[in-house]
Amino acid sequence: MSELATTKGTILNSLLKFIKSDLTPEQYAKAVSELPADDQAMLATRVLPSAHVSETLLNRLTEVAARAKGEELQAFGRRAGMAEVADAVGLYRFLVVVLTPNALLSKASNTWSSVHNTGKMLVENQTSNSARIRLRDFASEPAHCARLTGWFVRLSEMTGAKDVRITHDECLTRGAADCSWDLRWT
């Protein structure tokens, strides 16, 4: 996990879209002012969807936005992740809505690798209404885990799953070897 973790610019653009719509202009300005100069410069430019963006930037941005909003990081991050995925899916929305949660989960590993340069997403113990998702070899941070939790919930809902429940019971940031989520739906 020594390699700098990056993701596609699409994710930053979707996160920024959510933050700018969720915060007042004053809250947004306050949040951005807390970021390092390099991060501020990145946010001031047009980021191409295919660009490689540091996960640390996304995490810091989530943290300062949650603080500026006055909201607990886990709740804000989860809402941010749900909004990110709804925006990022974009043109592929029609594919997501025709897939079942299980069909979507079967694509998780390849999808992760196409967006991120490090880490491996594994789906374990999959049944017709549940699965365990494990993220290995990725230097997670609390903001990332919160956003990813939101991603899992919203993607499940987009496939038509109902009563989606998720627990993030193992986390690298709390001393576990990997991050793991138990996802259940009806």
C-alpha atoms as a PDB file:
ATOM      1  CA  MET A   1       0.000   0.000   0.000  1.00  0.00           C
ATOM      2  CA  SER A   2       2.951   2.344  -0.473  1.00  0.00           C
ATOM      3  CA  GLU A   3       1.722   3.543  -3.891  1.00  0.00           C
ATOM      4  CA  LEU A   4      -0.274   6.794  -3.863  1.00  0.00           C
ATOM      5  CA  ALA A   5      -3.920   5.804  -4.265  1.00  0.00           C
ATOM      6  CA  THR A   6      -5.691   7.565  -7.107  1.00  0.00           C
ATOM      7  CA  THR A   7      -9.116   7.475  -8.661  1.00  0.00           C
ATOM      8  CA  LYS A   8     -10.594   8.859 -11.860  1.00  0.00           C
ATOM      9  CA  GLY A   9     -11.466  12.528 -12.115  1.00  0.00           C
ATOM     10  CA  THR A  10     -15.112  11.582 -12.575  1.00  0.00           C
ATOM     11  CA  ILE A  11     -15.298  10.782  -8.868  1.00  0.00           C
ATOM     12  CA  LEU A  12     -13.878  14.166  -7.832  1.00  0.00           C
ATOM     13  CA  ASN A  13     -16.255  15.951 -10.199  1.00  0.00           C
ATOM     14  CA  SER A  14     -19.244  14.075  -8.760  1.00  0.00           C
ATOM     15  CA  LEU A  15     -18.130  14.758  -5.185  1.00  0.00           C
ATOM     16  CA  LEU A  16     -17.657  18.460  -5.960  1.00  0.00           C
ATOM     17  CA  LYS A  17     -21.104  18.631  -7.554  1.00  0.00           C
ATOM     18  CA  PHE A  18     -22.646  17.203  -4.375  1.00  0.00           C
ATOM     19  CA  ILE A  19     -20.661  19.450  -2.030  1.00  0.00           C
ATOM     20  CA  LYS A  20     -21.420  22.610  -3.999  1.00  0.00           C
ATOM     21  CA  SER A  21     -25.140  21.788  -3.973  1.00  0.00           C
ATOM     22  CA  ASP A  22     -25.213  20.736  -0.305  1.00  0.00           C
ATOM     23  CA  LEU A  23     -23.197  23.580   1.235  1.00  0.00           C
ATOM     24  CA  THR A  24     -23.913  27.268   1.082  1.00  0.00           C
ATOM     25  CA  PRO A  25     -21.394  29.302  -0.924  1.00  0.00           C
ATOM     26  CA  GLU A  26     -19.960  30.561   2.379  1.00  0.00           C
ATOM     27  CA  GLN A  27     -19.616  27.033   3.775  1.00  0.00           C
ATOM     28  CA  TYR A  28     -17.971  25.867   0.548  1.00  0.00           C
ATOM     29  CA  ALA A  29     -15.492  28.759   0.583  1.00  0.00           C
ATOM     30  CA  LYS A  30     -14.671  28.037   4.238  1.00  0.00           C
ATOM     31  CA  ALA A  31     -14.136  24.342   3.488  1.00  0.00           C
ATOM     32  CA  VAL A  32     -11.874  24.957   0.499  1.00  0.00           C
ATOM     33  CA  SER A  33      -9.848  27.519   2.465  1.00  0.00           C
ATOM     34  CA  GLU A  34      -8.885  24.730   4.907  1.00  0.00           C
ATOM     35  CA  LEU A  35      -7.306  22.633   2.153  1.00  0.00           C
ATOM     36  CA  PRO A  36      -3.604  22.739   1.230  1.00  0.00           C
ATOM     37  CA  ALA A  37      -2.708  25.088  -1.629  1.00  0.00           C
ATOM     38  CA  ASP A  38      -2.167  22.200  -4.086  1.00  0.00           C
ATOM     39  CA  ASP A  39      -5.656  20.858  -3.387  1.00  0.00           C
ATOM     40  CA  GLN A  40      -7.168  24.323  -3.780  1.00  0.00           C
ATOM     41  CA  ALA A  41      -5.396  24.693  -7.120  1.00  0.00           C
ATOM     42  CA  MET A  42      -6.743  21.328  -8.301  1.00  0.00           C
ATOM     43  CA  LEU A  43     -10.296  22.328  -7.371  1.00  0.00           C
ATOM     44  CA  ALA A  44      -9.934  25.619  -9.246  1.00  0.00           C
ATOM     45  CA  THR A  45      -9.215  23.836 -12.542  1.00  0.00           C
ATOM     46  CA  ARG A  46     -11.368  21.721 -14.808  1.00  0.00           C
ATOM     47  CA  VAL A  47     -10.609  18.110 -13.936  1.00  0.00           C
ATOM     48  CA  LEU A  48     -10.945  15.707 -16.839  1.00  0.00           C
ATOM     49  CA  PRO A  49     -13.005  12.588 -16.084  1.00  0.00           C
ATOM     50  CA  SER A  50     -10.036  10.402 -17.089  1.00  0.00           C
ATOM     51  CA  ALA A  51      -7.496  12.292 -14.924  1.00  0.00           C
ATOM     52  CA  HIS A  52      -5.912  10.538 -11.967  1.00  0.00           C
ATOM     53  CA  VAL A  53      -6.845  12.285  -8.723  1.00  0.00           C
ATOM     54  CA  SER A  54      -5.394  11.560  -5.299  1.00  0.00           C
ATOM     55  CA  GLU A  55      -7.764   9.736  -2.944  1.00  0.00           C
ATOM     56  CA  THR A  56      -6.269  11.890  -0.184  1.00  0.00           C
ATOM     57  CA  LEU A  57      -7.696  14.983  -1.889  1.00  0.00           C
ATOM     58  CA  LEU A  58     -11.174  13.426  -1.984  1.00  0.00           C
ATOM     59  CA  ASN A  59     -10.898  12.428   1.675  1.00  0.00           C
ATOM     60  CA  ARG A  60      -9.685  15.852   2.811  1.00  0.00           C
ATOM     61  CA  LEU A  61     -12.411  17.534   0.776  1.00  0.00           C
ATOM     62  CA  THR A  62     -15.060  15.302   2.371  1.00  0.00           C
ATOM     63  CA  GLU A  63     -13.709  16.043   5.855  1.00  0.00           C
ATOM     64  CA  VAL A  64     -13.577  19.838   5.473  1.00  0.00           C
ATOM     65  CA  ALA A  65     -17.012  19.912   3.816  1.00  0.00           C
ATOM     66  CA  ALA A  66     -18.537  17.881   6.656  1.00  0.00           C
ATOM     67  CA  ARG A  67     -16.991  20.271   9.187  1.00  0.00           C
ATOM     68  CA  ALA A  68     -18.196  23.334   7.284  1.00  0.00           C
ATOM     69  CA  LYS A  69     -21.698  21.818   7.121  1.00  0.00           C
ATOM     70  CA  GLY A  70     -21.560  20.965  10.835  1.00  0.00           C
ATOM     71  CA  GLU A  71     -22.343  17.315  10.135  1.00  0.00           C
ATOM     72  CA  GLU A  72     -20.708  14.169  11.475  1.00  0.00           C
ATOM     73  CA  LEU A  73     -18.197  12.760   8.954  1.00  0.00           C
ATOM     74  CA  GLN A  74     -19.790   9.304   8.643  1.00  0.00           C
ATOM     75  CA  ALA A  75     -23.258  10.693   7.866  1.00  0.00           C
ATOM     76  CA  PHE A  76     -21.968  13.364   5.495  1.00  0.00           C
ATOM     77  CA  GLY A  77     -19.615  10.931   3.751  1.00  0.00           C
ATOM     78  CA  ARG A  78     -22.371   8.389   3.267  1.00  0.00           C
ATOM     79  CA  ARG A  79     -24.668  11.019   1.745  1.00  0.00           C
ATOM     80  CA  ALA A  80     -21.783  12.212  -0.423  1.00  0.00           C
ATOM     81  CA  GLY A  81     -21.119   8.665  -1.654  1.00  0.00           C
ATOM     82  CA  MET A  82     -24.785   8.137  -2.501  1.00  0.00           C
ATOM     83  CA  ALA A  83     -24.828  11.378  -4.494  1.00  0.00           C
ATOM     84  CA  GLU A  84     -21.492  10.581  -6.160  1.00  0.00           C
ATOM     85  CA  VAL A  85     -22.665   7.249  -7.489  1.00  0.00           C
ATOM     86  CA  ALA A  86     -25.974   8.649  -8.719  1.00  0.00           C
ATOM     87  CA  ASP A  87     -24.030  11.288 -10.659  1.00  0.00           C
ATOM     88  CA  ALA A  88     -21.064   9.143 -11.742  1.00  0.00           C
ATOM     89  CA  VAL A  89     -23.204   6.337 -13.161  1.00  0.00           C
ATOM     90  CA  GLY A  90     -24.552   8.874 -15.652  1.00  0.00           C
ATOM     91  CA  LEU A  91     -24.746   7.300 -19.084  1.00  0.00           C
ATOM     92  CA  TYR A  92     -24.558   3.795 -17.633  1.00  0.00           C
ATOM     93  CA  ARG A  93     -27.672   4.274 -15.472  1.00  0.00           C
ATOM     94  CA  PHE A  94     -29.766   2.228 -17.903  1.00  0.00           C
ATOM     95  CA  LEU A  95     -27.420  -0.733 -17.370  1.00  0.00           C
ATOM     96  CA  VAL A  96     -27.560  -0.471 -13.591  1.00  0.00           C
ATOM     97  CA  VAL A  97     -31.355  -0.400 -13.426  1.00  0.00           C
ATOM     98  CA  VAL A  98     -31.664  -3.656 -15.399  1.00  0.00           C
ATOM     99  CA  LEU A  99     -29.111  -5.523 -13.279  1.00  0.00           C
ATOM    100  CA  THR A 100     -29.877  -7.385 -10.081  1.00  0.00           C
ATOM    101  CA  PRO A 101     -27.761  -6.650  -6.997  1.00  0.00           C
ATOM    102  CA  ASN A 102     -25.973  -9.981  -7.538  1.00  0.00           C
ATOM    103  CA  ALA A 103     -25.214  -9.218 -11.181  1.00  0.00           C
ATOM    104  CA  LEU A 104     -23.850  -5.821 -10.206  1.00  0.00           C
ATOM    105  CA  LEU A 105     -21.718  -7.333  -7.434  1.00  0.00           C
ATOM    106  CA  SER A 106     -20.223  -9.788  -9.912  1.00  0.00           C
ATOM    107  CA  LYS A 107     -18.745  -6.767 -11.722  1.00  0.00           C
ATOM    108  CA  ALA A 108     -17.406  -5.082  -8.559  1.00  0.00           C
ATOM    109  CA  SER A 109     -13.812  -6.252  -8.816  1.00  0.00           C
ATOM    110  CA  ASN A 110     -13.340  -5.205 -12.437  1.00  0.00           C
ATOM    111  CA  THR A 111     -15.141  -1.929 -11.891  1.00  0.00           C
ATOM    112  CA  TRP A 112     -12.944  -1.089  -8.897  1.00  0.00           C
ATOM    113  CA  SER A 113      -9.787  -1.760 -10.912  1.00  0.00           C
ATOM    114  CA  SER A 114     -10.968   0.393 -13.810  1.00  0.00           C
ATOM    115  CA  VAL A 115     -11.423   3.420 -11.538  1.00  0.00           C
ATOM    116  CA  HIS A 116      -8.696   2.994  -8.880  1.00  0.00           C
ATOM    117  CA  ASN A 117      -4.983   2.323  -9.282  1.00  0.00           C
ATOM    118  CA  THR A 118      -4.588   0.366  -6.031  1.00  0.00           C
ATOM    119  CA  GLY A 119      -6.582  -2.071  -3.987  1.00  0.00           C
ATOM    120  CA  LYS A 120      -8.731  -5.025  -4.827  1.00  0.00           C
ATOM    121  CA  MET A 121     -12.462  -5.370  -4.228  1.00  0.00           C
ATOM    122  CA  LEU A 122     -13.709  -8.862  -3.477  1.00  0.00           C
ATOM    123  CA  VAL A 123     -17.273 -10.098  -3.077  1.00  0.00           C
ATOM    124  CA  GLU A 124     -17.556 -12.988  -0.638  1.00  0.00           C
ATOM    125  CA  ASN A 125     -20.351 -15.121   0.831  1.00  0.00           C
ATOM    126  CA  GLN A 126     -22.812 -13.916  -1.791  1.00  0.00           C
ATOM    127  CA  THR A 127     -26.418 -15.134  -1.505  1.00  0.00           C
ATOM    128  CA  SER A 128     -29.614 -14.031  -3.251  1.00  0.00           C
ATOM    129  CA  ASN A 129     -30.083 -11.195  -0.740  1.00  0.00           C
ATOM    130  CA  SER A 130     -26.707 -10.565   0.875  1.00  0.00           C
ATOM    131  CA  ALA A 131     -22.983 -10.326   0.302  1.00  0.00           C
ATOM    132  CA  ARG A 132     -19.793  -9.483   2.113  1.00  0.00           C
ATOM    133  CA  ILE A 133     -17.619  -6.957   0.306  1.00  0.00           C
ATOM    134  CA  ARG A 134     -13.925  -6.768   1.146  1.00  0.00           C
ATOM    135  CA  LEU A 135     -11.468  -4.083   0.089  1.00  0.00           C
ATOM    136  CA  ARG A 136      -7.863  -5.303   0.243  1.00  0.00           C
ATOM    137  CA  ASP A 137      -4.535  -3.563  -0.195  1.00  0.00           C
ATOM    138  CA  PHE A 138      -6.025  -0.080  -0.104  1.00  0.00           C
ATOM    139  CA  ALA A 139      -5.009   2.618   2.378  1.00  0.00           C
ATOM    140  CA  SER A 140      -8.519   3.552   3.495  1.00  0.00           C
ATOM    141  CA  GLU A 141      -9.396   6.609   5.540  1.00  0.00           C
ATOM    142  CA  PRO A 142     -12.664   7.237   7.445  1.00  0.00           C
ATOM    143  CA  ALA A 143     -13.960   9.662   4.795  1.00  0.00           C
ATOM    144  CA  HIS A 144     -13.344   7.120   2.036  1.00  0.00           C
ATOM    145  CA  CYS A 145     -15.068   4.336   3.943  1.00  0.00           C
ATOM    146  CA  ALA A 146     -18.094   6.560   4.585  1.00  0.00           C
ATOM    147  CA  ARG A 147     -18.353   7.526   0.901  1.00  0.00           C
ATOM    148  CA  LEU A 148     -17.904   3.924  -0.224  1.00  0.00           C
ATOM    149  CA  THR A 149     -20.675   2.834   2.155  1.00  0.00           C
ATOM    150  CA  GLY A 150     -22.944   5.323   0.408  1.00  0.00           C
ATOM    151  CA  TRP A 151     -21.883   3.939  -2.969  1.00  0.00           C
ATOM    152  CA  PHE A 152     -22.859   0.381  -1.983  1.00  0.00           C
ATOM    153  CA  VAL A 153     -26.258   1.469  -0.684  1.00  0.00           C
ATOM    154  CA  ARG A 154     -27.178   3.662  -3.664  1.00  0.00           C
ATOM    155  CA  LEU A 155     -25.979   1.152  -6.260  1.00  0.00           C
ATOM    156  CA  SER A 156     -28.060  -1.543  -4.578  1.00  0.00           C
ATOM    157  CA  GLU A 157     -31.103   0.720  -4.576  1.00  0.00           C
ATOM    158  CA  MET A 158     -30.550   1.578  -8.238  1.00  0.00           C
ATOM    159  CA  THR A 159     -30.854  -2.123  -9.124  1.00  0.00           C
ATOM    160  CA  GLY A 160     -34.248  -2.241  -7.415  1.00  0.00           C
ATOM    161  CA  ALA A 161     -33.099  -3.719  -4.098  1.00  0.00           C
ATOM    162  CA  LYS A 162     -35.340  -2.745  -1.189  1.00  0.00           C
ATOM    163  CA  ASP A 163     -34.651  -2.369   2.512  1.00  0.00           C
ATOM    164  CA  VAL A 164     -30.882  -2.093   1.905  1.00  0.00           C
ATOM    165  CA  ARG A 165     -28.894  -2.500   5.123  1.00  0.00           C
ATOM    166  CA  ILE A 166     -25.145  -2.221   5.440  1.00  0.00           C
ATOM    167  CA  THR A 167     -22.600  -2.525   8.216  1.00  0.00           C
ATOM    168  CA  HIS A 168     -18.942  -1.636   7.950  1.00  0.00           C
ATOM    169  CA  ASP A 169     -17.765  -3.927  10.729  1.00  0.00           C
ATOM    170  CA  GLU A 170     -14.082  -4.276   9.828  1.00  0.00           C
ATOM    171  CA  CYS A 171     -12.007  -1.243   8.946  1.00  0.00           C
ATOM    172  CA  LEU A 172      -8.350  -0.656   8.273  1.00  0.00           C
ATOM    173  CA  THR A 173      -8.676   2.632  10.173  1.00  0.00           C
ATOM    174  CA  ARG A 174      -9.776   0.684  13.266  1.00  0.00           C
ATOM    175  CA  GLY A 175      -6.950  -1.853  13.120  1.00  0.00           C
ATOM    176  CA  ALA A 176      -8.376  -4.527  10.815  1.00  0.00           C
ATOM    177  CA  ALA A 177      -6.307  -5.993   7.974  1.00  0.00           C
ATOM    178  CA  ASP A 178      -8.901  -4.927   5.367  1.00  0.00           C
ATOM    179  CA  CYS A 179     -12.149  -3.021   5.114  1.00  0.00           C
ATOM    180  CA  SER A 180     -15.289  -5.169   4.956  1.00  0.00           C
ATOM    181  CA  TRP A 181     -18.986  -4.467   4.613  1.00  0.00           C
ATOM    182  CA  ASP A 182     -21.978  -6.759   5.114  1.00  0.00           C
ATOM    183  CA  LEU A 183     -24.673  -5.798   2.635  1.00  0.00           C
ATOM    184  CA  ARG A 184     -28.255  -7.126   2.871  1.00  0.00           C
ATOM    185  CA  TRP A 185     -31.378  -6.349   0.862  1.00  0.00           C
ATOM    186  CA  THR A 186     -34.821  -7.648  -0.037  1.00  0.00           C
END
